[in-house]
C-alpha atoms as a PDB file:
ATOM      1  CA  MET A   1      85.526 104.462 116.632  1.00  0.00           C
ATOM      2  CA  LEU A   2      84.114 104.808 113.081  1.00  0.00           C
ATOM      3  CA  THR A   3      81.211 107.287 114.971  1.00  0.00           C
ATOM      4  CA  ASP A   4      83.509 109.651 116.303  1.00  0.00           C
ATOM      5  CA  VAL A   5      84.302 110.514 112.543  1.00  0.00           C
ATOM      6  CA  VAL A   6      81.123 109.826 110.529  1.00  0.00           C
ATOM      7  CA  ASP A   7      80.599 113.736 110.971  1.00  0.00           C
ATOM      8  CA  LEU A   8      83.250 114.318 107.980  1.00  0.00           C
ATOM      9  CA  LEU A   9      81.867 111.392 106.012  1.00  0.00           C
ATOM     10  CA  LEU A  10      80.186 112.042 102.676  1.00  0.00           C
ATOM     11  CA  CYS A  11      77.571 109.617 100.743  1.00  0.00           C
ATOM     12  CA  PRO A  12      79.478 107.961  97.643  1.00  0.00           C
ATOM     13  CA  GLN A  13      76.249 107.627  95.928  1.00  0.00           C
ATOM     14  CA  CYS A  14      75.224 111.223  95.912  1.00  0.00           C
ATOM     15  CA  ARG A  15      78.213 113.453  96.853  1.00  0.00           C
ATOM     16  CA  ALA A  16      77.998 115.424  93.637  1.00  0.00           C
ATOM     17  CA  ARG A  17      75.847 117.738  95.797  1.00  0.00           C
ATOM     18  CA  GLU A  18      78.216 117.825  98.914  1.00  0.00           C
ATOM     19  CA  LEU A  19      75.971 120.053 101.143  1.00  0.00           C
ATOM     20  CA  ASP A  20      73.096 117.639 101.057  1.00  0.00           C
ATOM     21  CA  SER A  21      75.310 114.373 100.941  1.00  0.00           C
ATOM     22  CA  GLY A  22      76.895 114.041 104.534  1.00  0.00           C
ATOM     23  CA  LEU A  23      76.327 110.659 106.615  1.00  0.00           C
ATOM     24  CA  GLY A  24      74.997 109.992 110.073  1.00  0.00           C
ATOM     25  CA  VAL A  25      74.717 107.066 112.174  1.00  0.00           C
ATOM     26  CA  GLY A  26      71.183 105.277 112.513  1.00  0.00           C
ATOM     27  CA  ASP A  27      69.348 104.093 115.069  1.00  0.00           C
ATOM     28  CA  THR A  28      71.990 101.694 116.216  1.00  0.00           C
ATOM     29  CA  ASP A  29      75.994 102.136 115.314  1.00  0.00           C
ATOM     30  CA  ARG A  30      75.655  99.110 112.650  1.00  0.00           C
ATOM     31  CA  THR A  31      74.410 101.707 109.835  1.00  0.00           C
ATOM     32  CA  LEU A  32      75.029 105.017 108.194  1.00  0.00           C
ATOM     33  CA  TRP A  33      72.548 107.098 106.529  1.00  0.00           C
ATOM     34  CA  CYS A  34      72.508 109.902 104.246  1.00  0.00           C
ATOM     35  CA  ASP A  35      69.475 111.963 104.126  1.00  0.00           C
ATOM     36  CA  ARG A  36      68.632 110.839 100.644  1.00  0.00           C
ATOM     37  CA  GLY A  37      67.939 107.282 102.107  1.00  0.00           C
ATOM     38  CA  HIS A  38      71.287 105.741 100.882  1.00  0.00           C
ATOM     39  CA  SER A  39      72.603 103.590 103.761  1.00  0.00           C
ATOM     40  CA  PHE A  40      75.911 101.815 104.545  1.00  0.00           C
ATOM     41  CA  ASP A  41      75.927  98.616 106.854  1.00  0.00           C
ATOM     42  CA  VAL A  42      78.799  98.856 109.268  1.00  0.00           C
ATOM     43  CA  ALA A  43      80.756  95.842 109.636  1.00  0.00           C
ATOM     44  CA  ARG A  44      81.176  93.899 112.754  1.00  0.00           C
ATOM     45  CA  GLN A  45      84.910  94.399 112.670  1.00  0.00           C
ATOM     46  CA  GLY A  46      83.628  98.276 113.006  1.00  0.00           C
ATOM     47  CA  TYR A  47      84.688  99.250 109.559  1.00  0.00           C
ATOM     48  CA  VAL A  48      82.580 100.504 106.688  1.00  0.00           C
ATOM     49  CA  SER A  49      82.579 100.435 103.007  1.00  0.00           C
ATOM     50  CA  LEU A  50      81.796 103.572 100.715  1.00  0.00           C
ATOM     51  CA  LEU A  51      82.491 101.671  97.806  1.00  0.00           C
ATOM     52  CA  THR A  52      80.594 101.764  94.809  1.00  0.00           C
ATOM     53  CA  GLY A  53      80.133 100.437  91.415  1.00  0.00           C
ATOM     54  CA  ASP A  54      82.345  97.710  90.674  1.00  0.00           C
ATOM     55  CA  GLY A  55      84.419  98.477  93.984  1.00  0.00           C
ATOM     56  CA  GLY A  56      87.076 100.268  92.675  1.00  0.00           C
ATOM     57  CA  LYS A  57      90.070  99.669  90.723  1.00  0.00           C
ATOM     58  CA  PHE A  58      92.188  98.158  92.518  1.00  0.00           C
ATOM     59  CA  SER A  59      91.545  95.092  95.094  1.00  0.00           C
ATOM     60  CA  GLY A  60      94.267  96.230  97.483  1.00  0.00           C
ATOM     61  CA  ASP A  61      96.399  93.986  99.971  1.00  0.00           C
ATOM     62  CA  SER A  62      95.279  90.450 100.383  1.00  0.00           C
ATOM     63  CA  ALA A  63      94.412  89.325 103.809  1.00  0.00           C
ATOM     64  CA  GLU A  64      97.944  87.288 103.673  1.00  0.00           C
ATOM     65  CA  MET A  65      99.851  90.579 103.194  1.00  0.00           C
ATOM     66  CA  ILE A  66      98.044  92.692 106.326  1.00  0.00           C
ATOM     67  CA  ALA A  67      98.976  89.345 108.196  1.00  0.00           C
ATOM     68  CA  ALA A  68     102.447  89.899 107.082  1.00  0.00           C
ATOM     69  CA  ARG A  69     102.418  93.816 107.743  1.00  0.00           C
ATOM     70  CA  GLU A  70     100.975  93.512 110.978  1.00  0.00           C
ATOM     71  CA  VAL A  71     104.042  90.563 111.993  1.00  0.00           C
ATOM     72  CA  PHE A  72     106.531  93.054 110.758  1.00  0.00           C
ATOM     73  CA  LEU A  73     105.634  96.292 111.943  1.00  0.00           C
ATOM     74  CA  GLY A  74     104.787  94.432 115.428  1.00  0.00           C
ATOM     75  CA  GLU A  75     108.512  93.701 115.803  1.00  0.00           C
ATOM     76  CA  GLY A  76     109.017  97.884 115.709  1.00  0.00           C
ATOM     77  CA  HIS A  77     111.519  97.584 112.776  1.00  0.00           C
ATOM     78  CA  PHE A  78     109.469 100.496 111.130  1.00  0.00           C
ATOM     79  CA  ASP A  79     109.161 102.448 114.210  1.00  0.00           C
ATOM     80  CA  PRO A  80     111.253 105.239 113.606  1.00  0.00           C
ATOM     81  CA  ILE A  81     109.487 105.802 110.541  1.00  0.00           C
ATOM     82  CA  ALA A  82     106.244 106.089 112.479  1.00  0.00           C
ATOM     83  CA  ALA A  83     108.016 108.405 114.600  1.00  0.00           C
ATOM     84  CA  ALA A  84     108.915 110.345 111.823  1.00  0.00           C
ATOM     85  CA  VAL A  85     105.544 110.681 110.509  1.00  0.00           C
ATOM     86  CA  SER A  86     104.053 111.747 113.698  1.00  0.00           C
ATOM     87  CA  ALA A  87     106.247 114.494 114.244  1.00  0.00           C
ATOM     88  CA  GLY A  88     105.653 115.851 110.805  1.00  0.00           C
ATOM     89  CA  VAL A  89     102.068 116.375 111.721  1.00  0.00           C
ATOM     90  CA  PRO A  90     101.512 119.830 113.302  1.00  0.00           C
ATOM     91  CA  GLU A  91     100.420 120.516 116.782  1.00  0.00           C
ATOM     92  CA  GLY A  92      97.181 120.981 117.273  1.00  0.00           C
ATOM     93  CA  SER A  93      95.871 119.200 114.220  1.00  0.00           C
ATOM     94  CA  ASP A  94      92.360 117.822 114.758  1.00  0.00           C
ATOM     95  CA  VAL A  95      91.643 115.522 112.190  1.00  0.00           C
ATOM     96  CA  VAL A  96      94.418 113.380 110.534  1.00  0.00           C
ATOM     97  CA  LEU A  97      93.613 110.960 107.303  1.00  0.00           C
ATOM     98  CA  ASP A  98      95.875 108.216 106.477  1.00  0.00           C
ATOM     99  CA  VAL A  99      95.580 107.318 102.769  1.00  0.00           C
ATOM    100  CA  GLY A 100      96.619 103.348 102.522  1.00  0.00           C
ATOM    101  CA  VAL A 101      95.964 102.941 106.114  1.00  0.00           C
ATOM    102  CA  GLY A 102      97.184  98.956 105.952  1.00  0.00           C
ATOM    103  CA  THR A 103      97.343  97.802 109.798  1.00  0.00           C
ATOM    104  CA  GLY A 104      96.585 101.528 111.050  1.00  0.00           C
ATOM    105  CA  HIS A 105     100.139 101.360 112.398  1.00  0.00           C
ATOM    106  CA  TYR A 106     101.353 104.944 111.265  1.00  0.00           C
ATOM    107  CA  LEU A 107      97.909 106.361 111.883  1.00  0.00           C
ATOM    108  CA  ALA A 108      97.574 104.974 115.244  1.00  0.00           C
ATOM    109  CA  ALA A 109     101.579 106.243 116.249  1.00  0.00           C
ATOM    110  CA  VAL A 110      99.951 109.889 114.988  1.00  0.00           C
ATOM    111  CA  LEU A 111      96.783 109.715 117.078  1.00  0.00           C
ATOM    112  CA  ASP A 112      98.945 108.797 120.014  1.00  0.00           C
ATOM    113  CA  ALA A 113     101.380 111.622 119.520  1.00  0.00           C
ATOM    114  CA  HIS A 114      98.399 114.076 119.041  1.00  0.00           C
ATOM    115  CA  ALA A 115      95.925 113.211 122.092  1.00  0.00           C
ATOM    116  CA  ASP A 116      93.162 115.621 120.607  1.00  0.00           C
ATOM    117  CA  ALA A 117      93.009 114.458 117.093  1.00  0.00           C
ATOM    118  CA  ARG A 118      90.717 112.378 115.298  1.00  0.00           C
ATOM    119  CA  GLY A 119      91.962 109.551 112.490  1.00  0.00           C
ATOM    120  CA  ILE A 120      90.276 108.376 109.438  1.00  0.00           C
ATOM    121  CA  GLY A 121      91.753 105.737 108.065  1.00  0.00           C
ATOM    122  CA  VAL A 122      91.351 104.842 104.036  1.00  0.00           C
ATOM    123  CA  ASP A 123      92.219 101.599 102.428  1.00  0.00           C
ATOM    124  CA  VAL A 124      91.084 100.049  99.079  1.00  0.00           C
ATOM    125  CA  SER A 125      91.510  96.690 100.931  1.00  0.00           C
ATOM    126  CA  LYS A 126      88.728  95.302 103.500  1.00  0.00           C
ATOM    127  CA  PHE A 127      91.138  93.461 104.790  1.00  0.00           C
ATOM    128  CA  ALA A 128      93.368  95.992 105.732  1.00  0.00           C
ATOM    129  CA  ALA A 129      89.997  98.132 106.781  1.00  0.00           C
ATOM    130  CA  ARG A 130      89.191  95.303 109.125  1.00  0.00           C
ATOM    131  CA  ARG A 131      93.123  95.430 111.001  1.00  0.00           C
ATOM    132  CA  ALA A 132      93.042  99.241 111.092  1.00  0.00           C
ATOM    133  CA  ALA A 133      89.341  99.335 112.882  1.00  0.00           C
ATOM    134  CA  ARG A 134      90.943  97.850 116.014  1.00  0.00           C
ATOM    135  CA  SER A 135      94.359  99.851 115.579  1.00  0.00           C
ATOM    136  CA  HIS A 136      93.270 102.775 118.002  1.00  0.00           C
ATOM    137  CA  PRO A 137      90.015 103.837 119.806  1.00  0.00           C
ATOM    138  CA  ARG A 138      89.833 107.313 117.697  1.00  0.00           C
ATOM    139  CA  LEU A 139      90.745 105.653 114.555  1.00  0.00           C
ATOM    140  CA  GLY A 140      87.461 105.578 111.907  1.00  0.00           C
ATOM    141  CA  SER A 141      88.513 102.651 109.252  1.00  0.00           C
ATOM    142  CA  VAL A 142      86.382 103.188 105.907  1.00  0.00           C
ATOM    143  CA  VAL A 143      86.861 101.465 102.736  1.00  0.00           C
ATOM    144  CA  ALA A 144      87.109 103.595  99.508  1.00  0.00           C
ATOM    145  CA  ASP A 145      89.114 103.938  96.501  1.00  0.00           C
ATOM    146  CA  ILE A 146      91.334 107.441  96.313  1.00  0.00           C
ATOM    147  CA  TRP A 147      91.035 107.745  92.650  1.00  0.00           C
ATOM    148  CA  SER A 148      87.208 107.290  92.494  1.00  0.00           C
ATOM    149  CA  GLY A 149      87.271 110.090  95.242  1.00  0.00           C
ATOM    150  CA  LEU A 150      87.555 110.542  98.965  1.00  0.00           C
ATOM    151  CA  PRO A 151      83.986 110.312 100.455  1.00  0.00           C
ATOM    152  CA  VAL A 152      85.325 113.072 103.042  1.00  0.00           C
ATOM    153  CA  ARG A 153      84.289 116.771 103.299  1.00  0.00           C
ATOM    154  CA  SER A 154      86.268 119.080 101.743  1.00  0.00           C
ATOM    155  CA  GLY A 155      88.331 121.300 104.007  1.00  0.00           C
ATOM    156  CA  ALA A 156      87.250 118.824 106.945  1.00  0.00           C
ATOM    157  CA  LEU A 157      91.457 117.644 107.417  1.00  0.00           C
ATOM    158  CA  SER A 158      94.154 119.320 109.488  1.00  0.00           C
ATOM    159  CA  ALA A 159      96.908 116.836 107.873  1.00  0.00           C
ATOM    160  CA  VAL A 160      97.014 113.795 105.845  1.00  0.00           C
ATOM    161  CA  THR A 161      99.751 111.492 105.835  1.00  0.00           C
ATOM    162  CA  CYS A 162     100.748 108.840 102.857  1.00  0.00           C
ATOM    163  CA  VAL A 163     103.140 106.179 103.759  1.00  0.00           C
ATOM    164  CA  PHE A 164     104.199 104.111 100.555  1.00  0.00           C
ATOM    165  CA  ALA A 165     100.996 104.867  99.531  1.00  0.00           C
ATOM    166  CA  PRO A 166      99.473 106.263  96.008  1.00  0.00           C
ATOM    167  CA  ARG A 167      98.458 109.401  96.045  1.00  0.00           C
ATOM    168  CA  ASN A 168      95.356 111.588  94.147  1.00  0.00           C
ATOM    169  CA  ALA A 169      96.767 115.320  94.663  1.00  0.00           C
ATOM    170  CA  GLY A 170      93.466 116.717  93.327  1.00  0.00           C
ATOM    171  CA  GLU A 171      91.133 115.201  96.284  1.00  0.00           C
ATOM    172  CA  LEU A 172      93.767 115.078  98.825  1.00  0.00           C
ATOM    173  CA  ASN A 173      93.989 119.292  98.176  1.00  0.00           C
ATOM    174  CA  ARG A 174      90.352 119.350  98.322  1.00  0.00           C
ATOM    175  CA  VAL A 175      89.703 117.526 101.439  1.00  0.00           C
ATOM    176  CA  LEU A 176      92.266 119.482 103.683  1.00  0.00           C
ATOM    177  CA  VAL A 177      92.037 123.019 105.379  1.00  0.00           C
ATOM    178  CA  ASP A 178      93.952 126.034 103.702  1.00  0.00           C
ATOM    179  CA  ASP A 179      97.511 125.519 104.701  1.00  0.00           C
ATOM    180  CA  GLY A 180      96.740 121.757 105.593  1.00  0.00           C
ATOM    181  CA  VAL A 181      99.803 119.384 105.641  1.00  0.00           C
ATOM    182  CA  LEU A 182     100.403 116.785 104.031  1.00  0.00           C
ATOM    183  CA  VAL A 183     103.381 113.985 105.158  1.00  0.00           C
ATOM    184  CA  VAL A 184     104.578 111.414 102.352  1.00  0.00           C
ATOM    185  CA  VAL A 185     106.844 108.939 102.971  1.00  0.00           C
ATOM    186  CA  THR A 186     108.562 107.288  99.974  1.00  0.00           C
ATOM    187  CA  PRO A 187     111.527 104.702  99.770  1.00  0.00           C
ATOM    188  CA  THR A 188     115.100 105.427  98.316  1.00  0.00           C
ATOM    189  CA  SER A 189     116.981 103.423  96.040  1.00  0.00           C
ATOM    190  CA  ARG A 190     118.885 102.325  98.868  1.00  0.00           C
ATOM    191  CA  HIS A 191     115.697 100.905 100.871  1.00  0.00           C
ATOM    192  CA  GLN A 192     116.236  97.154 101.405  1.00  0.00           C
ATOM    193  CA  ARG A 193     119.108  97.236  98.616  1.00  0.00           C
ATOM    194  CA  GLU A 194     120.989  94.045 100.578  1.00  0.00           C
ATOM    195  CA  LEU A 195     117.612  91.810  99.698  1.00  0.00           C
ATOM    196  CA  ARG A 196     117.092  93.420  96.172  1.00  0.00           C
ATOM    197  CA  GLY A 197     119.289  90.812  93.913  1.00  0.00           C
ATOM    198  CA  PRO A 198     119.714  88.157  96.133  1.00  0.00           C
ATOM    199  CA  LEU A 199     115.699  87.596  96.507  1.00  0.00           C
ATOM    200  CA  GLY A 200     114.459  89.586  93.285  1.00  0.00           C
ATOM    201  CA  LEU A 201     112.653  92.370  94.698  1.00  0.00           C
ATOM    202  CA  ILE A 202     110.906  95.321  92.632  1.00  0.00           C
ATOM    203  CA  GLY A 203     113.207  97.865  92.868  1.00  0.00           C
ATOM    204  CA  VAL A 204     112.889 101.373  93.734  1.00  0.00           C
ATOM    205  CA  GLU A 205     113.024 104.345  91.106  1.00  0.00           C
ATOM    206  CA  GLU A 206     115.983 106.634  91.152  1.00  0.00           C
ATOM    207  CA  ASP A 207     113.863 109.964  90.933  1.00  0.00           C
ATOM    208  CA  LYS A 208     110.810 109.008  92.984  1.00  0.00           C
ATOM    209  CA  THR A 209     110.889 112.055  95.280  1.00  0.00           C
ATOM    210  CA  ARG A 210     111.632 114.508  92.365  1.00  0.00           C
ATOM    211  CA  ARG A 211     108.772 112.944  90.787  1.00  0.00           C
ATOM    212  CA  LEU A 212     106.513 113.363  94.071  1.00  0.00           C
ATOM    213  CA  GLY A 213     107.133 116.817  93.740  1.00  0.00           C
ATOM    214  CA  GLU A 214     106.007 116.950  89.825  1.00  0.00           C
ATOM    215  CA  SER A 215     102.682 114.953  90.846  1.00  0.00           C
ATOM    216  CA  LEU A 216     101.690 117.666  93.697  1.00  0.00           C
ATOM    217  CA  SER A 217     102.818 120.768  91.850  1.00  0.00           C
ATOM    218  CA  GLY A 218     100.171 123.546  91.720  1.00  0.00           C
ATOM    219  CA  LEU A 219      98.319 122.080  94.123  1.00  0.00           C
ATOM    220  CA  PHE A 220     101.090 121.834  97.306  1.00  0.00           C
ATOM    221  CA  GLU A 221     104.079 123.559  98.107  1.00  0.00           C
ATOM    222  CA  PRO A 222     107.491 121.729  99.574  1.00  0.00           C
ATOM    223  CA  VAL A 223     107.975 122.269 103.774  1.00  0.00           C
ATOM    224  CA  ALA A 224     110.401 120.246 104.220  1.00  0.00           C
ATOM    225  CA  GLU A 225     112.620 117.190 102.989  1.00  0.00           C
ATOM    226  CA  SER A 226     114.140 115.015 105.522  1.00  0.00           C
ATOM    227  CA  PRO A 227     116.166 111.632 104.698  1.00  0.00           C
ATOM    228  CA  LEU A 228     115.909 108.902 107.163  1.00  0.00           C
ATOM    229  CA  GLU A 229     118.030 105.806 106.674  1.00  0.00           C
ATOM    230  CA  TYR A 230     119.165 103.227 109.433  1.00  0.00           C
ATOM    231  CA  SER A 231     119.953  99.510 109.610  1.00  0.00           C
ATOM    232  CA  MET A 232     117.731  96.607 110.831  1.00  0.00           C
ATOM    233  CA  MET A 233     118.897  93.213 111.840  1.00  0.00           C
ATOM    234  CA  LEU A 234     116.271  90.968 110.581  1.00  0.00           C
ATOM    235  CA  SER A 235     115.755  87.338 110.755  1.00  0.00           C
ATOM    236  CA  ARG A 236     114.785  85.180 108.145  1.00  0.00           C
ATOM    237  CA  ASN A 237     111.280  85.272 109.308  1.00  0.00           C
ATOM    238  CA  ASP A 238     111.148  89.138 109.118  1.00  0.00           C
ATOM    239  CA  ILE A 239     112.734  88.865 105.951  1.00  0.00           C
ATOM    240  CA  ASP A 240     109.635  86.962 104.667  1.00  0.00           C
ATOM    241  CA  ALA A 241     107.118  88.986 106.241  1.00  0.00           C
ATOM    242  CA  LEU A 242     108.715  92.287 105.120  1.00  0.00           C
ATOM    243  CA  ILE A 243     108.568  90.406 101.586  1.00  0.00           C
ATOM    244  CA  GLY A 244     104.945  89.016 102.286  1.00  0.00           C
ATOM    245  CA  MET A 245     103.611  92.799 102.965  1.00  0.00           C
ATOM    246  CA  GLY A 246     105.060  94.418 100.029  1.00  0.00           C
ATOM    247  CA  PRO A 247     104.558  94.418  96.355  1.00  0.00           C
ATOM    248  CA  SER A 248     107.228  91.717  95.773  1.00  0.00           C
ATOM    249  CA  ALA A 249     104.766  89.278  97.179  1.00  0.00           C
ATOM    250  CA  ARG A 250     102.770  89.054  94.055  1.00  0.00           C
ATOM    251  CA  HIS A 251     105.897  89.294  91.618  1.00  0.00           C
ATOM    252  CA  GLY A 252     108.717  86.360  90.806  1.00  0.00           C
ATOM    253  CA  ASP A 253     108.767  83.068  91.707  1.00  0.00           C
ATOM    254  CA  PRO A 254     107.884  82.231  95.670  1.00  0.00           C
ATOM    255  CA  VAL A 255     109.356  78.893  95.361  1.00  0.00           C
ATOM    256  CA  ALA A 256     112.914  80.013  94.356  1.00  0.00           C
ATOM    257  CA  ARG A 257     112.865  82.816  96.627  1.00  0.00           C
ATOM    258  CA  ALA A 258     112.254  80.389  99.276  1.00  0.00           C
ATOM    259  CA  ALA A 259     114.981  78.675  98.465  1.00  0.00           C
ATOM    260  CA  ALA A 260     117.165  81.589  98.139  1.00  0.00           C
ATOM    261  CA  LEU A 261     116.042  82.890 101.763  1.00  0.00           C
ATOM    262  CA  ALA A 262     116.851  79.884 103.235  1.00  0.00           C
ATOM    263  CA  GLN A 263     120.415  80.517 102.316  1.00  0.00           C
ATOM    264  CA  PHE A 264     120.426  83.475 104.449  1.00  0.00           C
ATOM    265  CA  PRO A 265     122.286  83.966 108.110  1.00  0.00           C
ATOM    266  CA  ASP A 266     120.187  83.523 110.958  1.00  0.00           C
ATOM    267  CA  THR A 267     120.452  87.420 110.995  1.00  0.00           C
ATOM    268  CA  THR A 268     120.702  90.072 107.964  1.00  0.00           C
ATOM    269  CA  GLU A 269     121.848  93.604 108.447  1.00  0.00           C
ATOM    270  CA  VAL A 270     119.009  95.509 106.063  1.00  0.00           C
ATOM    271  CA  THR A 271     118.986  99.192 105.222  1.00  0.00           C
ATOM    272  CA  ALA A 272     116.016 101.314 105.677  1.00  0.00           C
ATOM    273  CA  SER A 273     115.993 104.321 103.610  1.00  0.00           C
ATOM    274  CA  VAL A 274     112.970 106.666 103.078  1.00  0.00           C
ATOM    275  CA  THR A 275     112.470 110.186 102.552  1.00  0.00           C
ATOM    276  CA  VAL A 276     109.933 112.342 104.654  1.00  0.00           C
ATOM    277  CA  SER A 277     108.339 114.885 102.472  1.00  0.00           C
ATOM    278  CA  ILE A 278     106.319 117.617 104.234  1.00  0.00           C
ATOM    279  CA  TYR A 279     103.844 119.897 101.900  1.00  0.00           C
ATOM    280  CA  ARG A 280     101.423 122.478 102.706  1.00  0.00           C
ATOM    281  CA  ALA A 281      98.431 122.651 100.427  1.00  0.00           C
ATOM    282  CA  THR A 282      98.003 125.691  98.442  1.00  0.00           C
ATOM    283  CA  THR A 283      94.366 127.662  98.379  1.00  0.00           C
ATOM    284  CA  GLN A 284      92.053 126.177  96.031  1.00  0.00           C
ATOM    285  CA  PRO A 285      88.588 126.848  95.391  1.00  0.00           C
ATOM    286  CA  ARG A 286      86.580 124.444  97.200  1.00  0.00           C
ATOM    287  CA  ARG A 287      84.521 122.368  94.755  1.00  0.00           C
ATOM    288  CA  ALA A 288      82.024 119.717  95.111  1.00  0.00           C
ATOM    289  CA  SER A 289      83.693 116.051  94.637  1.00  0.00           C
ATOM    290  CA  ALA A 290      83.286 114.105  91.372  1.00  0.00           C
ATOM    291  CA  SER A 291      80.199 112.198  91.708  1.00  0.00           C
ATOM    292  CA  LEU A 292      80.991 108.236  91.404  1.00  0.00           C
END
């Protein structure tokens, strides 16, 4: 629940002076306050929005995308990826943050595997935050924009996970303890290859893993890199949900795509192909996060 992780959160209004900008629970569990009087209402679904100003640069996943994600992940097709992420989080980790938490599927798996850990799920989408808030009893769900700065105390986290989501290397280094671990899942060029041409899906860059390493250079050092590839037998409904939960849902002609999908057999063998990369945070002077 959100109250289980509130001691790790920062007020987004006055976070430039980090030591004075922590959040606490009000008289009820429905409001979070900082010492300077800024307050943030906890939604009835159990999440809190710590966005400020214009609400961030990105709107994140829509309600329809989150619904599709819940359907597809609920069928277990990406469970091997969730297991690999959980295995990448070191034993004894006490606080884990998932960037781009979505439905909470991956962070819930991590918390199930690490019985003493608390989790913070961050997503820019309020629809994702609503769903993530009920995904696990030890997960606190927060709406925030990683590019505007995470509303999380410096050096507060044992591990960060990032599955198919953007990364702000400076912020992730800041919130991790010294030698904290970052687990990143990126798709390879073989991921969903059987669907791309026939359904006009967005492709994956060939050098995605290399570019990941470059983006983290100086703030993280590589520890391990493991390929994970397997076949999924997907129905047309599964494929429709898979498309609906990702970036291809916002591109192309949906009518033409639906017509093409209708020509698929009842089940199709589709490749899941990702790289699971583990990095360790290099020691950096802990700096107060930038004011929003």
